[in-house]
Protein backbone atom coordinates (compact mmCIF):
# COMPACT_ATOMS: atom_id res chain seq x y z
CA MET A 1 -7.11 -16.63 16.95
CA LYS A 2 -8.81 -17.55 13.33
CA ASN A 3 -6.80 -19.31 10.78
CA ARG A 4 -6.11 -16.46 8.22
CA GLU A 5 -5.46 -18.92 5.36
CA ALA A 6 -8.80 -20.38 5.19
CA ILE A 7 -11.03 -17.40 5.81
CA ILE A 8 -11.61 -13.64 6.11
CA ASP A 9 -13.92 -12.24 8.34
CA VAL A 10 -15.35 -8.86 7.17
CA LEU A 11 -17.91 -7.02 8.50
CA LEU A 12 -19.23 -4.40 5.73
CA VAL A 13 -21.28 -1.03 6.85
CA GLU A 14 -22.67 -0.32 3.88
CA ASP A 15 -25.91 1.27 3.16
CA GLU A 16 -26.28 1.13 -0.91
CA GLU A 17 -27.39 -2.40 -1.52
CA THR A 18 -26.54 -2.88 -4.64
CA LEU A 19 -22.81 -1.99 -3.86
CA ALA A 20 -23.05 -3.85 -0.75
CA LEU A 21 -24.46 -7.00 -2.39
CA ILE A 22 -21.32 -6.42 -5.18
CA ILE A 23 -18.91 -6.54 -2.79
CA LYS A 24 -20.22 -9.12 -1.09
CA ASP A 25 -20.70 -11.30 -3.93
CA THR A 26 -17.12 -10.80 -5.27
CA LEU A 27 -15.12 -11.23 -1.58
CA GLU A 28 -17.34 -14.25 -1.07
CA GLY A 29 -16.03 -15.40 -4.40
CA GLN A 30 -12.20 -15.07 -3.38
CA GLY A 31 -12.81 -16.86 0.09
CA PHE A 32 -13.64 -13.99 2.53
CA ALA A 33 -17.12 -14.14 4.85
CA ILE A 34 -19.03 -11.41 4.61
CA ARG A 35 -21.37 -9.93 6.96
CA LEU A 36 -23.65 -6.93 6.44
CA ALA A 37 -24.78 -4.06 8.06
CA GLU A 38 -26.78 -1.27 6.92
CA ASN A 39 -26.02 1.83 9.20
CA GLY A 40 -23.74 2.42 12.00
CA GLU A 41 -25.84 0.91 14.69
CA GLU A 42 -26.21 -2.23 13.27
CA GLY A 43 -22.54 -1.91 12.49
CA ILE A 44 -21.78 -1.60 16.15
CA GLU A 45 -24.52 -5.02 16.96
CA LYS A 46 -23.05 -6.97 14.96
CA PHE A 47 -19.39 -5.98 16.01
CA PHE A 48 -19.53 -6.76 19.25
CA GLY A 49 -21.66 -9.69 18.83
CA GLN A 50 -19.15 -11.75 15.92
CA LYS A 51 -15.91 -9.78 16.09
CA PRO A 52 -14.79 -9.49 12.93
CA ASP A 53 -11.22 -9.94 11.74
CA VAL A 54 -11.98 -6.74 9.99
CA VAL A 55 -14.62 -3.76 9.37
CA VAL A 56 -14.84 -1.92 6.00
CA ALA A 57 -17.69 1.19 6.74
CA ASP A 58 -19.18 3.71 4.19
CA VAL A 59 -18.62 6.75 6.14
CA MET A 60 -22.10 8.70 5.18
CA MET A 61 -25.10 6.00 6.59
CA PRO A 62 -28.29 7.09 7.80
CA ARG A 63 -28.87 6.65 11.79
CA MET A 64 -25.56 6.75 12.77
CA ASP A 65 -22.41 7.27 10.23
CA GLY A 66 -19.02 5.75 10.10
CA PHE A 67 -17.12 7.87 12.12
CA GLU A 68 -19.46 8.01 15.09
CA MET A 69 -19.63 3.76 14.72
CA VAL A 70 -15.96 3.63 14.96
CA ARG A 71 -15.58 5.94 17.54
CA ARG A 72 -17.65 3.80 20.15
CA ILE A 73 -15.87 0.64 18.71
CA ARG A 74 -12.60 2.21 19.03
CA ARG A 75 -13.80 2.89 22.84
CA GLN A 76 -13.17 -1.27 24.05
CA ASP A 77 -11.69 -2.50 21.34
CA LYS A 78 -7.97 -0.54 19.61
CA GLN A 79 -6.92 -3.83 17.03
CA THR A 80 -9.30 -4.47 14.63
CA PRO A 81 -8.90 -2.72 11.75
CA VAL A 82 -11.17 0.01 9.88
CA LEU A 83 -10.90 0.93 6.42
CA PHE A 84 -13.38 3.78 5.09
CA LEU A 85 -15.03 4.22 2.25
CA THR A 86 -16.19 7.35 1.35
CA ALA A 87 -16.87 9.31 -1.36
CA ARG A 88 -15.65 12.59 0.18
CA SER A 89 -11.89 14.08 -1.25
CA ALA A 90 -11.29 16.71 1.53
CA THR A 91 -8.51 16.64 3.52
CA SER A 92 -10.09 17.45 6.57
CA ASP A 93 -12.26 14.44 6.57
CA VAL A 94 -9.60 12.16 5.59
CA VAL A 95 -7.87 13.19 8.29
CA GLU A 96 -10.63 12.59 10.86
CA GLY A 97 -11.10 9.36 9.91
CA PHE A 98 -7.25 8.49 10.98
CA GLU A 99 -7.91 10.40 14.31
CA LEU A 100 -10.83 8.67 15.48
CA GLY A 101 -9.11 4.99 15.16
CA GLY A 102 -9.84 4.11 10.77
CA ASN A 103 -6.26 2.62 9.15
CA ASP A 104 -6.82 3.12 6.03
CA TYR A 105 -9.37 4.58 3.68
CA LEU A 106 -10.85 4.22 -0.17
CA LYS A 107 -12.16 6.71 -2.74
CA LYS A 108 -15.32 5.76 -3.85
CA PRO A 109 -15.77 4.40 -6.88
CA PHE A 110 -12.77 2.01 -6.33
CA GLY A 111 -11.91 -1.16 -7.71
CA MET A 112 -12.82 -4.59 -5.93
CA GLN A 113 -8.82 -5.78 -6.62
CA GLU A 114 -7.37 -2.46 -4.88
CA LEU A 115 -10.20 -3.38 -2.11
CA ILE A 116 -8.76 -7.17 -1.56
CA VAL A 117 -5.18 -6.00 -1.69
CA ARG A 118 -6.06 -3.53 1.02
CA ILE A 119 -8.01 -5.66 3.40
CA LYS A 120 -5.22 -8.19 3.30
CA ALA A 121 -2.53 -5.51 4.17
CA LEU A 122 -4.58 -4.19 6.89
CA LEU A 123 -4.69 -7.73 8.37
CA GLY A 124 -0.66 -8.10 7.71
CA ARG A 125 -0.40 -4.73 9.71
CA ALA A 126 -3.22 -5.26 12.44
CA SER A 127 -0.59 -5.90 15.29
CA ASN A 128 1.11 -2.47 14.58
CA TYR A 129 -1.71 -0.76 15.52
CA SER A 130 -1.07 2.60 17.47
CA ALA A 131 -2.89 5.83 18.20
CA PRO A 132 -3.29 7.97 15.34
CA GLU A 133 -0.94 10.97 16.94
CA LYS A 134 1.62 8.78 17.04
CA GLN A 135 1.29 7.78 13.52
CA THR A 136 1.85 11.24 12.30
CA SER A 137 5.23 11.74 12.63
CA VAL A 138 6.32 8.59 10.73
CA THR A 139 3.50 8.96 7.76
CA GLU A 140 5.03 12.83 7.34
CA PHE A 141 7.77 12.82 5.16
CA GLU A 142 10.53 15.16 3.74
CA ILE A 143 11.97 14.39 0.02
CA GLY A 144 14.45 17.09 -1.30
CA ARG A 145 12.19 19.85 -1.71
CA TYR A 146 9.10 18.04 -1.54
CA ARG A 147 6.59 17.47 1.49
CA PHE A 148 4.68 13.75 1.23
CA ASN A 149 2.09 13.26 3.38
CA ALA A 150 1.06 9.13 3.54
CA ILE A 151 -2.07 9.43 5.29
CA THR A 152 -3.56 11.70 2.74
CA GLN A 153 -1.53 10.88 -0.05
CA ARG A 154 -0.44 14.06 -0.92
CA LEU A 155 2.93 15.15 -2.25
CA SER A 156 3.59 18.74 -2.62
CA TYR A 157 6.34 20.63 -3.81
CA LEU A 158 6.83 24.00 -2.70
CA GLY A 159 3.14 24.71 -2.25
CA ASN A 160 1.81 22.66 -4.99
CA GLU A 161 0.21 19.62 -4.26
CA THR A 162 0.08 16.42 -6.45
CA GLU A 163 -2.91 13.67 -4.80
CA LEU A 164 -1.53 10.10 -5.28
CA SER A 165 -2.69 6.82 -5.76
CA TYR A 166 -2.99 4.49 -3.58
CA ARG A 167 -0.19 2.26 -4.45
CA GLU A 168 2.10 5.16 -5.59
CA SER A 169 1.66 6.04 -1.74
CA GLU A 170 2.50 3.59 -0.69
CA ILE A 171 5.19 2.55 -2.47
CA LEU A 172 6.67 6.38 -1.45
CA ARG A 173 6.25 5.40 1.31
CA ARG A 174 7.69 2.66 2.24
CA LEU A 175 10.99 3.80 -0.24
CA CYS A 176 11.10 6.95 2.29
CA GLU A 177 11.24 4.77 5.30
CA ASN A 178 14.50 2.32 3.68
CA ARG A 179 15.81 5.63 2.37
CA ASN A 180 19.15 5.01 1.01
CA GLU A 181 18.40 1.48 1.71
CA VAL A 182 17.15 -0.82 -0.83
CA THR A 183 13.57 -2.06 -0.71
CA LEU A 184 12.87 -5.34 -1.27
CA MET A 185 10.29 -6.05 -4.72
CA GLN A 186 9.45 -9.05 -3.45
CA ASP A 187 7.86 -7.43 -0.56
CA ILE A 188 6.21 -4.44 -1.97
CA LEU A 189 4.37 -7.00 -4.65
CA ILE A 190 2.98 -9.41 -1.96
CA GLU A 191 1.80 -6.89 0.28
CA LEU A 192 0.47 -3.99 -2.30
CA TRP A 193 -0.55 -6.55 -4.99
CA GLY A 194 -0.99 -10.04 -3.41
CA ASN A 195 1.60 -12.17 -5.42
CA ASP A 196 5.14 -11.61 -7.11
CA THR A 197 4.45 -12.62 -10.84
CA PHE A 198 6.59 -11.16 -13.89
CA PHE A 199 2.81 -9.22 -14.97
CA ASN A 200 2.44 -7.64 -11.36
CA GLN A 201 6.48 -6.50 -11.71
CA ARG A 202 5.82 -4.78 -14.88
CA SER A 203 3.48 -3.04 -12.93
CA LEU A 204 5.39 -2.03 -10.01
CA HIS A 205 8.11 -0.71 -12.30
CA VAL A 206 5.06 1.44 -13.93
CA PHE A 207 4.78 3.11 -10.80
CA ILE A 208 8.10 3.29 -10.21
CA THR A 209 8.20 5.44 -13.39
CA LYS A 210 5.47 7.89 -12.77
CA LEU A 211 7.07 8.46 -8.88
CA ARG A 212 10.18 9.12 -10.78
CA HIS A 213 8.28 11.86 -12.88
CA LYS A 214 5.96 13.40 -10.18
CA LEU A 215 9.49 13.66 -8.02
CA SER A 216 11.34 15.05 -10.98
CA ARG A 217 11.50 18.91 -10.12
CA ASP A 218 14.24 18.22 -7.82
CA GLU A 219 17.10 16.72 -9.27
CA ARG A 220 18.76 15.79 -6.47
CA ILE A 221 16.19 13.18 -5.75
CA ARG A 222 16.79 9.36 -7.66
CA ILE A 223 14.93 6.00 -7.29
CA VAL A 224 17.09 3.68 -8.26
CA ASN A 225 16.60 0.57 -9.68
CA VAL A 226 18.57 -2.52 -7.99
CA ARG A 227 18.29 -5.48 -10.51
CA GLY A 228 16.07 -7.62 -9.68
CA ILE A 229 16.62 -7.11 -6.05
CA GLY A 230 14.06 -3.77 -5.13
CA TYR A 231 14.58 -0.07 -5.69
CA LYS A 232 16.30 2.77 -3.59
CA LEU A 233 15.53 6.13 -2.73
CA ILE A 234 18.68 8.60 -2.66
CA ILE A 235 18.85 12.36 -1.85
CA ASN A 236 22.21 13.68 -2.86
């Protein structure tokens, strides 16, 4: 197994040369090793030739798109995490990506820090890869009168849908998984921000406030701050 602390080996499959070079320069400056491919065919060749830690792939590409590339990779490799980059926003497209074996997706345009955090989070979850049909039951939650889908990042209330940001969705997913129990603040910060500095603690609290507001239509729902420890989702 590779030394994760030293180098994270990323295969970046992206046909937009300017974007690919920006990502490459940024991630290499953060200790990543980046291998580039311009389309799905080249991506498959480099994947099996070099076996990266994680694949970051655009969806829309010439010759072979990202979906078809991952479909073929998953025939032989079901463990290496895949993050899709996409300008698409339709729920059906997002779901298709997960059904083909993708582990996460990031909508363009995106911030480089968010990309870095997601890659690190995927590597933390890599050993827990499971088939998409097993994921659905643990990524859809009932929160009082709300319905939350952690894959599509959508929160619905009586048919009215709200799209959550990545961090909002991931925080809410953790709260739902630990319903009525404390979700540790430090765990959230390390997994989603990369460290637990005071500045990031303040940022997390802002996201919690946003989630409280978005869940405020059902007065039975509370997100309780357990001071200095974490947060607890309670539904009376």
